[in-house]
Amino acid sequence: MRTLYVSDLDGTLLQSNARTSPYTNNTVNALIEKGMLFSYATARSYLTARKVTAGLRTDIPLVVYNGAALVDGRDGTPMLKNFFGPEIGEVLGDLFANDIYPIVYSYLEGREVFSFIPARCTPGMETFIASRKGDPRTHPVEDAAGLCEGEIFYLTCIDGQEKLEPFYEKYKDSYHCVLQTELYTGEHWLEIMPLAASKSRAIEQLKKQLGCERLVVFGDGRNDMDMFQAADECYAVENAVPELKAMATAVIGSNDSDGVARWLEEHYPR
């Protein structure tokens, strides 16, 4: 029976320094060499995910942007796109009217970009953008009209919880929304994606593509709940949020103790 193993990155496969450890890389790579089908599902883009997992083999497709895209693990070529339709203009207009100017991810003239208005950035947005210095996707724009250009597939709002929560409640049934505290900075993030975009849906498509019958997943946050629901076995790292631990098949070692790699080393069939 073919099994697909999928791990979240931040807080799960990555340690607190936002990198995979040499132990995790070596262990997972050795198991891939033996035939393990291993991928990851992350809110990150392919570009930033590849940087923080440097040294880790990615032989099969990867789930990025929380399921908004499934990309080739070797070069990041999109294999599946879950994009917004024209209706996202209404959502953006609603956000603008309430002084929320998100980071907007889109394909513009065939190139992936993330757009933002520098003068409208919150401190959390400024921290995020500074962390992406040199990123070729960086695309500052002058006004709200610039945020609406291209084929849009992902919105990230970084602001106060009291400001973002009403929009989570308003749009959670119409779109795939995640409201959570960012792991490294403590900032509140509201991510809005097409309803068809979720980790679980993208993983199910990958599972079907690879001809797998079973799914085993690993995670730490609320945005991992949907893939936990879709899995045959689901494991929460020790540092996971209580809600995810309550859903888990079991709780394993923390991200800083290489919990995922150690579990795989112990349980992957010899």
C-alpha atoms as a PDB file:
ATOM      1  CA  MET A   1       0.000   0.000   0.000  1.00  0.00           C
ATOM      2  CA  ARG A   2       1.552   3.282  -1.142  1.00  0.00           C
ATOM      3  CA  THR A   3       1.667   5.971   1.538  1.00  0.00           C
ATOM      4  CA  LEU A   4       2.204   9.700   1.046  1.00  0.00           C
ATOM      5  CA  TYR A   5       3.912  11.537   3.913  1.00  0.00           C
ATOM      6  CA  VAL A   6       3.336  15.306   4.107  1.00  0.00           C
ATOM      7  CA  SER A   7       4.684  17.760   6.671  1.00  0.00           C
ATOM      8  CA  ASP A   8       3.965  21.376   7.398  1.00  0.00           C
ATOM      9  CA  LEU A   9       7.117  23.519   7.484  1.00  0.00           C
ATOM     10  CA  ASP A  10       7.129  26.400  10.003  1.00  0.00           C
ATOM     11  CA  GLY A  11       6.922  25.099  13.540  1.00  0.00           C
ATOM     12  CA  THR A  12       6.893  21.497  12.339  1.00  0.00           C
ATOM     13  CA  LEU A  13       9.687  20.420  10.006  1.00  0.00           C
ATOM     14  CA  LEU A  14      11.585  23.687  10.522  1.00  0.00           C
ATOM     15  CA  GLN A  15      13.274  24.433  13.801  1.00  0.00           C
ATOM     16  CA  SER A  16      12.846  27.754  15.613  1.00  0.00           C
ATOM     17  CA  ASN A  17      15.609  29.269  13.470  1.00  0.00           C
ATOM     18  CA  ALA A  18      13.287  28.730  10.468  1.00  0.00           C
ATOM     19  CA  ARG A  19      15.562  26.088   8.902  1.00  0.00           C
ATOM     20  CA  THR A  20      15.558  22.331   8.572  1.00  0.00           C
ATOM     21  CA  SER A  21      18.362  20.818  10.613  1.00  0.00           C
ATOM     22  CA  PRO A  22      21.152  18.698   9.096  1.00  0.00           C
ATOM     23  CA  TYR A  23      19.687  15.723  10.985  1.00  0.00           C
ATOM     24  CA  THR A  24      16.250  16.217   9.422  1.00  0.00           C
ATOM     25  CA  ASN A  25      17.709  16.687   5.947  1.00  0.00           C
ATOM     26  CA  ASN A  26      19.927  13.612   6.197  1.00  0.00           C
ATOM     27  CA  THR A  27      17.226  11.417   7.706  1.00  0.00           C
ATOM     28  CA  VAL A  28      14.462  12.377   5.269  1.00  0.00           C
ATOM     29  CA  ASN A  29      16.804  12.190   2.264  1.00  0.00           C
ATOM     30  CA  ALA A  30      17.939   8.691   3.263  1.00  0.00           C
ATOM     31  CA  LEU A  31      14.322   7.535   3.531  1.00  0.00           C
ATOM     32  CA  ILE A  32      13.449   9.107   0.174  1.00  0.00           C
ATOM     33  CA  GLU A  33      16.361   7.148  -1.282  1.00  0.00           C
ATOM     34  CA  LYS A  34      14.680   4.010   0.083  1.00  0.00           C
ATOM     35  CA  GLY A  35      11.424   4.916  -1.653  1.00  0.00           C
ATOM     36  CA  MET A  36       9.510   7.103   0.787  1.00  0.00           C
ATOM     37  CA  LEU A  37       7.118   9.551  -0.880  1.00  0.00           C
ATOM     38  CA  PHE A  38       7.634  12.743   1.108  1.00  0.00           C
ATOM     39  CA  SER A  39       6.406  16.262   0.434  1.00  0.00           C
ATOM     40  CA  TYR A  40       5.569  19.369   2.407  1.00  0.00           C
ATOM     41  CA  ALA A  41       2.565  21.679   2.557  1.00  0.00           C
ATOM     42  CA  THR A  42       3.283  25.260   3.529  1.00  0.00           C
ATOM     43  CA  ALA A  43       1.923  28.779   3.530  1.00  0.00           C
ATOM     44  CA  ARG A  44       5.264  29.837   2.047  1.00  0.00           C
ATOM     45  CA  SER A  45       6.030  30.300  -1.621  1.00  0.00           C
ATOM     46  CA  TYR A  46       8.217  27.801  -3.448  1.00  0.00           C
ATOM     47  CA  LEU A  47      11.084  30.290  -3.429  1.00  0.00           C
ATOM     48  CA  THR A  48      11.156  30.900   0.329  1.00  0.00           C
ATOM     49  CA  ALA A  49      10.374  27.263   1.142  1.00  0.00           C
ATOM     50  CA  ARG A  50      13.362  26.097  -0.886  1.00  0.00           C
ATOM     51  CA  LYS A  51      15.633  28.517   0.984  1.00  0.00           C
ATOM     52  CA  VAL A  52      14.632  27.312   4.445  1.00  0.00           C
ATOM     53  CA  THR A  53      14.781  23.634   3.437  1.00  0.00           C
ATOM     54  CA  ALA A  54      18.138  23.867   1.650  1.00  0.00           C
ATOM     55  CA  GLY A  55      19.629  20.384   1.447  1.00  0.00           C
ATOM     56  CA  LEU A  56      16.290  18.567   1.598  1.00  0.00           C
ATOM     57  CA  ARG A  57      15.326  16.469  -1.420  1.00  0.00           C
ATOM     58  CA  THR A  58      12.053  17.432  -3.111  1.00  0.00           C
ATOM     59  CA  ASP A  59      11.543  14.744  -5.722  1.00  0.00           C
ATOM     60  CA  ILE A  60       7.747  15.021  -5.876  1.00  0.00           C
ATOM     61  CA  PRO A  61       5.399  18.042  -6.111  1.00  0.00           C
ATOM     62  CA  LEU A  62       5.003  20.463  -3.203  1.00  0.00           C
ATOM     63  CA  VAL A  63       1.984  22.273  -1.776  1.00  0.00           C
ATOM     64  CA  VAL A  64       2.634  26.010  -1.416  1.00  0.00           C
ATOM     65  CA  TYR A  65       0.591  29.063  -0.406  1.00  0.00           C
ATOM     66  CA  ASN A  66      -1.579  26.876   1.859  1.00  0.00           C
ATOM     67  CA  GLY A  67      -2.809  24.931  -1.165  1.00  0.00           C
ATOM     68  CA  ALA A  68      -3.313  27.760  -3.638  1.00  0.00           C
ATOM     69  CA  ALA A  69      -0.767  26.011  -5.849  1.00  0.00           C
ATOM     70  CA  LEU A  70       0.843  22.618  -6.349  1.00  0.00           C
ATOM     71  CA  VAL A  71       4.301  23.035  -7.863  1.00  0.00           C
ATOM     72  CA  ASP A  72       7.046  20.862  -9.300  1.00  0.00           C
ATOM     73  CA  GLY A  73       9.447  20.094  -6.456  1.00  0.00           C
ATOM     74  CA  ARG A  74      12.466  20.480  -8.720  1.00  0.00           C
ATOM     75  CA  ASP A  75      11.927  23.931 -10.222  1.00  0.00           C
ATOM     76  CA  GLY A  76       8.694  25.402  -8.828  1.00  0.00           C
ATOM     77  CA  THR A  77       6.718  25.224 -12.064  1.00  0.00           C
ATOM     78  CA  PRO A  78       2.988  25.439 -11.201  1.00  0.00           C
ATOM     79  CA  MET A  79       1.193  22.152 -11.800  1.00  0.00           C
ATOM     80  CA  LEU A  80      -2.123  23.224 -10.297  1.00  0.00           C
ATOM     81  CA  LYS A  81      -3.447  26.764  -9.822  1.00  0.00           C
ATOM     82  CA  ASN A  82      -6.365  27.595  -7.546  1.00  0.00           C
ATOM     83  CA  PHE A  83      -6.898  31.276  -8.357  1.00  0.00           C
ATOM     84  CA  PHE A  84      -9.579  33.852  -7.569  1.00  0.00           C
ATOM     85  CA  GLY A  85     -12.114  35.003 -10.120  1.00  0.00           C
ATOM     86  CA  PRO A  86     -13.241  38.634 -10.658  1.00  0.00           C
ATOM     87  CA  GLU A  87     -15.197  38.505  -7.388  1.00  0.00           C
ATOM     88  CA  ILE A  88     -12.007  39.117  -5.409  1.00  0.00           C
ATOM     89  CA  GLY A  89     -12.301  42.776  -6.456  1.00  0.00           C
ATOM     90  CA  GLU A  90     -15.275  43.128  -4.089  1.00  0.00           C
ATOM     91  CA  VAL A  91     -13.304  41.660  -1.193  1.00  0.00           C
ATOM     92  CA  LEU A  92     -10.376  43.975  -1.863  1.00  0.00           C
ATOM     93  CA  GLY A  93     -12.721  46.966  -2.040  1.00  0.00           C
ATOM     94  CA  ASP A  94     -14.217  45.975   1.311  1.00  0.00           C
ATOM     95  CA  LEU A  95     -10.762  45.724   2.877  1.00  0.00           C
ATOM     96  CA  PHE A  96      -9.647  49.071   1.409  1.00  0.00           C
ATOM     97  CA  ALA A  97     -12.780  50.753   2.766  1.00  0.00           C
ATOM     98  CA  ASN A  98     -11.739  49.635   6.240  1.00  0.00           C
ATOM     99  CA  ASP A  99      -8.120  50.779   5.926  1.00  0.00           C
ATOM    100  CA  ILE A 100      -6.702  47.300   5.320  1.00  0.00           C
ATOM    101  CA  TYR A 101      -4.284  47.106   2.410  1.00  0.00           C
ATOM    102  CA  PRO A 102      -3.065  43.501   2.091  1.00  0.00           C
ATOM    103  CA  ILE A 103      -0.063  41.963   0.452  1.00  0.00           C
ATOM    104  CA  VAL A 104      -1.513  40.590  -2.786  1.00  0.00           C
ATOM    105  CA  TYR A 105      -0.003  37.583  -4.538  1.00  0.00           C
ATOM    106  CA  SER A 106      -0.655  37.273  -8.252  1.00  0.00           C
ATOM    107  CA  TYR A 107       0.712  36.408 -11.651  1.00  0.00           C
ATOM    108  CA  LEU A 108       1.314  39.636 -13.523  1.00  0.00           C
ATOM    109  CA  GLU A 109       2.334  39.373 -17.164  1.00  0.00           C
ATOM    110  CA  GLY A 110       3.334  35.773 -16.552  1.00  0.00           C
ATOM    111  CA  ARG A 111       5.510  36.563 -13.528  1.00  0.00           C
ATOM    112  CA  GLU A 112       4.713  35.753  -9.906  1.00  0.00           C
ATOM    113  CA  VAL A 113       4.712  38.877  -7.713  1.00  0.00           C
ATOM    114  CA  PHE A 114       3.597  40.025  -4.288  1.00  0.00           C
ATOM    115  CA  SER A 115       2.278  43.578  -4.397  1.00  0.00           C
ATOM    116  CA  PHE A 116       1.970  46.109  -1.583  1.00  0.00           C
ATOM    117  CA  ILE A 117       1.623  49.840  -1.044  1.00  0.00           C
ATOM    118  CA  PRO A 118       4.684  50.985   0.947  1.00  0.00           C
ATOM    119  CA  ALA A 119       2.873  53.968   2.475  1.00  0.00           C
ATOM    120  CA  ARG A 120       0.060  51.701   3.712  1.00  0.00           C
ATOM    121  CA  CYS A 121       2.184  48.985   5.323  1.00  0.00           C
ATOM    122  CA  THR A 122       1.664  48.096   8.977  1.00  0.00           C
ATOM    123  CA  PRO A 123       4.756  47.382  11.101  1.00  0.00           C
ATOM    124  CA  GLY A 124       4.084  43.666  10.635  1.00  0.00           C
ATOM    125  CA  MET A 125       3.992  44.067   6.875  1.00  0.00           C
ATOM    126  CA  GLU A 126       7.220  46.046   6.960  1.00  0.00           C
ATOM    127  CA  THR A 127       8.887  43.239   8.922  1.00  0.00           C
ATOM    128  CA  PHE A 128       7.650  40.680   6.419  1.00  0.00           C
ATOM    129  CA  ILE A 129       8.809  42.692   3.401  1.00  0.00           C
ATOM    130  CA  ALA A 130      12.212  43.355   4.984  1.00  0.00           C
ATOM    131  CA  SER A 131      12.634  39.610   5.475  1.00  0.00           C
ATOM    132  CA  ARG A 132      12.145  39.175   1.724  1.00  0.00           C
ATOM    133  CA  LYS A 133      14.858  41.636   0.716  1.00  0.00           C
ATOM    134  CA  GLY A 134      16.165  40.724  -2.728  1.00  0.00           C
ATOM    135  CA  ASP A 135      13.135  38.560  -3.522  1.00  0.00           C
ATOM    136  CA  PRO A 136      12.457  38.907  -7.274  1.00  0.00           C
ATOM    137  CA  ARG A 137       8.712  38.771  -6.634  1.00  0.00           C
ATOM    138  CA  THR A 138       8.754  42.080  -4.701  1.00  0.00           C
ATOM    139  CA  HIS A 139       6.373  44.515  -6.404  1.00  0.00           C
ATOM    140  CA  PRO A 140       5.617  47.833  -4.663  1.00  0.00           C
ATOM    141  CA  VAL A 141       2.675  49.748  -6.142  1.00  0.00           C
ATOM    142  CA  GLU A 142       1.402  53.290  -5.715  1.00  0.00           C
ATOM    143  CA  ASP A 143      -2.260  52.784  -4.923  1.00  0.00           C
ATOM    144  CA  ALA A 144      -5.146  50.373  -4.400  1.00  0.00           C
ATOM    145  CA  ALA A 145      -5.650  49.961  -8.147  1.00  0.00           C
ATOM    146  CA  GLY A 146      -2.163  48.493  -8.362  1.00  0.00           C
ATOM    147  CA  LEU A 147      -3.097  45.814  -5.822  1.00  0.00           C
ATOM    148  CA  CYS A 148      -5.936  44.638  -8.055  1.00  0.00           C
ATOM    149  CA  GLU A 149      -3.808  43.825 -11.106  1.00  0.00           C
ATOM    150  CA  GLY A 150      -2.990  40.382 -12.478  1.00  0.00           C
ATOM    151  CA  GLU A 151      -4.293  36.900 -11.710  1.00  0.00           C
ATOM    152  CA  ILE A 152      -4.733  37.035  -7.935  1.00  0.00           C
ATOM    153  CA  PHE A 153      -4.507  33.881  -5.851  1.00  0.00           C
ATOM    154  CA  TYR A 154      -3.615  34.871  -2.268  1.00  0.00           C
ATOM    155  CA  LEU A 155      -4.161  37.775   0.144  1.00  0.00           C
ATOM    156  CA  THR A 156      -2.230  38.339   3.368  1.00  0.00           C
ATOM    157  CA  CYS A 157      -3.453  40.961   5.825  1.00  0.00           C
ATOM    158  CA  ILE A 158      -1.138  41.723   8.764  1.00  0.00           C
ATOM    159  CA  ASP A 159      -2.746  43.921  11.400  1.00  0.00           C
ATOM    160  CA  GLY A 160      -4.411  43.884  14.821  1.00  0.00           C
ATOM    161  CA  GLN A 161      -6.629  40.935  15.724  1.00  0.00           C
ATOM    162  CA  GLU A 162      -9.596  43.193  16.511  1.00  0.00           C
ATOM    163  CA  LYS A 163      -9.336  44.684  13.030  1.00  0.00           C
ATOM    164  CA  LEU A 164      -8.945  41.403  11.157  1.00  0.00           C
ATOM    165  CA  GLU A 165     -11.336  39.108  13.025  1.00  0.00           C
ATOM    166  CA  PRO A 166     -14.550  40.658  11.623  1.00  0.00           C
ATOM    167  CA  PHE A 167     -13.323  39.947   8.088  1.00  0.00           C
ATOM    168  CA  TYR A 168     -12.449  36.380   8.989  1.00  0.00           C
ATOM    169  CA  GLU A 169     -16.013  35.910  10.239  1.00  0.00           C
ATOM    170  CA  LYS A 170     -17.455  37.648   7.177  1.00  0.00           C
ATOM    171  CA  TYR A 171     -15.559  35.664   4.551  1.00  0.00           C
ATOM    172  CA  LYS A 172     -14.769  32.297   6.151  1.00  0.00           C
ATOM    173  CA  ASP A 173     -17.724  30.576   4.474  1.00  0.00           C
ATOM    174  CA  SER A 174     -17.101  32.050   1.024  1.00  0.00           C
ATOM    175  CA  TYR A 175     -13.322  31.690   0.907  1.00  0.00           C
ATOM    176  CA  HIS A 176     -10.643  29.611   2.551  1.00  0.00           C
ATOM    177  CA  CYS A 177      -9.567  31.881   5.409  1.00  0.00           C
ATOM    178  CA  VAL A 178      -6.942  31.420   8.103  1.00  0.00           C
ATOM    179  CA  LEU A 179      -6.588  33.811  11.051  1.00  0.00           C
ATOM    180  CA  GLN A 180      -3.619  33.086  13.247  1.00  0.00           C
ATOM    181  CA  THR A 181      -0.686  34.515  15.157  1.00  0.00           C
ATOM    182  CA  GLU A 182       2.536  34.421  13.170  1.00  0.00           C
ATOM    183  CA  LEU A 183       5.009  32.022  14.752  1.00  0.00           C
ATOM    184  CA  TYR A 184       8.129  34.189  14.767  1.00  0.00           C
ATOM    185  CA  THR A 185       6.843  37.754  15.299  1.00  0.00           C
ATOM    186  CA  GLY A 186       3.550  37.375  17.172  1.00  0.00           C
ATOM    187  CA  GLU A 187       1.756  39.461  14.526  1.00  0.00           C
ATOM    188  CA  HIS A 188      -1.823  38.609  13.556  1.00  0.00           C
ATOM    189  CA  TRP A 189      -2.313  37.415   9.996  1.00  0.00           C
ATOM    190  CA  LEU A 190      -5.504  36.943   8.018  1.00  0.00           C
ATOM    191  CA  GLU A 191      -4.915  34.893   4.875  1.00  0.00           C
ATOM    192  CA  ILE A 192      -7.676  34.715   2.265  1.00  0.00           C
ATOM    193  CA  MET A 193      -7.567  32.172  -0.553  1.00  0.00           C
ATOM    194  CA  PRO A 194     -10.034  30.735  -3.058  1.00  0.00           C
ATOM    195  CA  LEU A 195     -12.386  28.203  -1.478  1.00  0.00           C
ATOM    196  CA  ALA A 196     -10.802  25.486  -3.620  1.00  0.00           C
ATOM    197  CA  ALA A 197      -7.388  26.329  -2.158  1.00  0.00           C
ATOM    198  CA  SER A 198      -6.535  24.350   0.950  1.00  0.00           C
ATOM    199  CA  LYS A 199      -3.745  22.091   2.035  1.00  0.00           C
ATOM    200  CA  SER A 200      -6.092  19.115   2.134  1.00  0.00           C
ATOM    201  CA  ARG A 201      -7.426  19.582  -1.397  1.00  0.00           C
ATOM    202  CA  ALA A 202      -3.991  20.055  -2.905  1.00  0.00           C
ATOM    203  CA  ILE A 203      -2.690  17.024  -0.995  1.00  0.00           C
ATOM    204  CA  GLU A 204      -5.613  14.919  -2.169  1.00  0.00           C
ATOM    205  CA  GLN A 205      -4.760  15.862  -5.754  1.00  0.00           C
ATOM    206  CA  LEU A 206      -1.121  14.954  -5.151  1.00  0.00           C
ATOM    207  CA  LYS A 207      -2.131  11.683  -3.503  1.00  0.00           C
ATOM    208  CA  LYS A 208      -4.245  10.784  -6.529  1.00  0.00           C
ATOM    209  CA  GLN A 209      -1.484  11.784  -8.944  1.00  0.00           C
ATOM    210  CA  LEU A 210       1.006   9.511  -7.182  1.00  0.00           C
ATOM    211  CA  GLY A 211      -1.436   6.619  -6.827  1.00  0.00           C
ATOM    212  CA  CYS A 212      -1.234   6.548  -3.025  1.00  0.00           C
ATOM    213  CA  GLU A 213      -3.842   4.858  -0.835  1.00  0.00           C
ATOM    214  CA  ARG A 214      -2.784   6.281   2.540  1.00  0.00           C
ATOM    215  CA  LEU A 215      -1.886   9.728   3.855  1.00  0.00           C
ATOM    216  CA  VAL A 216       0.212  10.517   6.936  1.00  0.00           C
ATOM    217  CA  VAL A 217       0.646  14.177   7.898  1.00  0.00           C
ATOM    218  CA  PHE A 218       2.496  16.310  10.458  1.00  0.00           C
ATOM    219  CA  GLY A 219       1.672  19.811  11.684  1.00  0.00           C
ATOM    220  CA  ASP A 220       1.619  22.407  14.438  1.00  0.00           C
ATOM    221  CA  GLY A 221      -0.947  25.109  13.639  1.00  0.00           C
ATOM    222  CA  ARG A 222      -4.593  25.838  12.938  1.00  0.00           C
ATOM    223  CA  ASN A 223      -3.925  25.984   9.212  1.00  0.00           C
ATOM    224  CA  ASP A 224      -3.025  22.283   9.402  1.00  0.00           C
ATOM    225  CA  MET A 225      -6.450  21.222  10.668  1.00  0.00           C
ATOM    226  CA  ASP A 226      -7.932  20.553   7.239  1.00  0.00           C
ATOM    227  CA  MET A 227      -5.104  18.200   6.241  1.00  0.00           C
ATOM    228  CA  PHE A 228      -5.394  16.450   9.615  1.00  0.00           C
ATOM    229  CA  GLN A 229      -9.052  15.785   8.832  1.00  0.00           C
ATOM    230  CA  ALA A 230      -8.121  14.309   5.445  1.00  0.00           C
ATOM    231  CA  ALA A 231      -5.334  12.040   6.736  1.00  0.00           C
ATOM    232  CA  ASP A 232      -5.311   8.398   7.743  1.00  0.00           C
ATOM    233  CA  GLU A 233      -2.798   9.269  10.463  1.00  0.00           C
ATOM    234  CA  CYS A 234      -1.962  12.758  11.736  1.00  0.00           C
ATOM    235  CA  TYR A 235       0.779  13.727  14.154  1.00  0.00           C
ATOM    236  CA  ALA A 236       1.107  17.000  16.050  1.00  0.00           C
ATOM    237  CA  VAL A 237       4.530  18.134  17.200  1.00  0.00           C
ATOM    238  CA  GLU A 238       4.889  18.863  20.921  1.00  0.00           C
ATOM    239  CA  ASN A 239       4.843  22.628  20.296  1.00  0.00           C
ATOM    240  CA  ALA A 240       1.547  22.467  18.350  1.00  0.00           C
ATOM    241  CA  VAL A 241      -1.551  24.425  19.317  1.00  0.00           C
ATOM    242  CA  PRO A 242      -3.930  22.560  21.678  1.00  0.00           C
ATOM    243  CA  GLU A 243      -6.670  22.327  19.043  1.00  0.00           C
ATOM    244  CA  LEU A 244      -4.399  20.387  16.689  1.00  0.00           C
ATOM    245  CA  LYS A 245      -3.105  18.116  19.441  1.00  0.00           C
ATOM    246  CA  ALA A 246      -6.721  17.216  20.215  1.00  0.00           C
ATOM    247  CA  MET A 247      -7.204  16.036  16.611  1.00  0.00           C
ATOM    248  CA  ALA A 248      -3.930  14.119  16.368  1.00  0.00           C
ATOM    249  CA  THR A 249      -3.362  10.394  16.200  1.00  0.00           C
ATOM    250  CA  ALA A 250      -0.510  11.112  18.620  1.00  0.00           C
ATOM    251  CA  VAL A 251       1.784  13.915  19.769  1.00  0.00           C
ATOM    252  CA  ILE A 252       5.428  13.531  18.762  1.00  0.00           C
ATOM    253  CA  GLY A 253       8.655  15.404  19.553  1.00  0.00           C
ATOM    254  CA  SER A 254       8.878  19.131  19.016  1.00  0.00           C
ATOM    255  CA  ASN A 255      10.162  20.888  15.924  1.00  0.00           C
ATOM    256  CA  ASP A 256      13.393  21.770  17.743  1.00  0.00           C
ATOM    257  CA  SER A 257      13.985  18.108  18.590  1.00  0.00           C
ATOM    258  CA  ASP A 258      13.476  16.972  14.955  1.00  0.00           C
ATOM    259  CA  GLY A 259      10.214  15.289  15.915  1.00  0.00           C
ATOM    260  CA  VAL A 260       9.043  14.574  12.359  1.00  0.00           C
ATOM    261  CA  ALA A 261      12.342  13.115  11.170  1.00  0.00           C
ATOM    262  CA  ARG A 262      12.697  10.978  14.293  1.00  0.00           C
ATOM    263  CA  TRP A 263       9.164   9.637  13.893  1.00  0.00           C
ATOM    264  CA  LEU A 264       9.795   8.808  10.245  1.00  0.00           C
ATOM    265  CA  GLU A 265      13.090   7.121  11.051  1.00  0.00           C
ATOM    266  CA  GLU A 266      11.365   4.930  13.629  1.00  0.00           C
ATOM    267  CA  HIS A 267       8.152   4.135  11.750  1.00  0.00           C
ATOM    268  CA  TYR A 268       8.909   4.121   8.034  1.00  0.00           C
ATOM    269  CA  PRO A 269       8.763   0.471   6.879  1.00  0.00           C
ATOM    270  CA  ARG A 270      12.182  -1.148   6.582  1.00  0.00           C
END
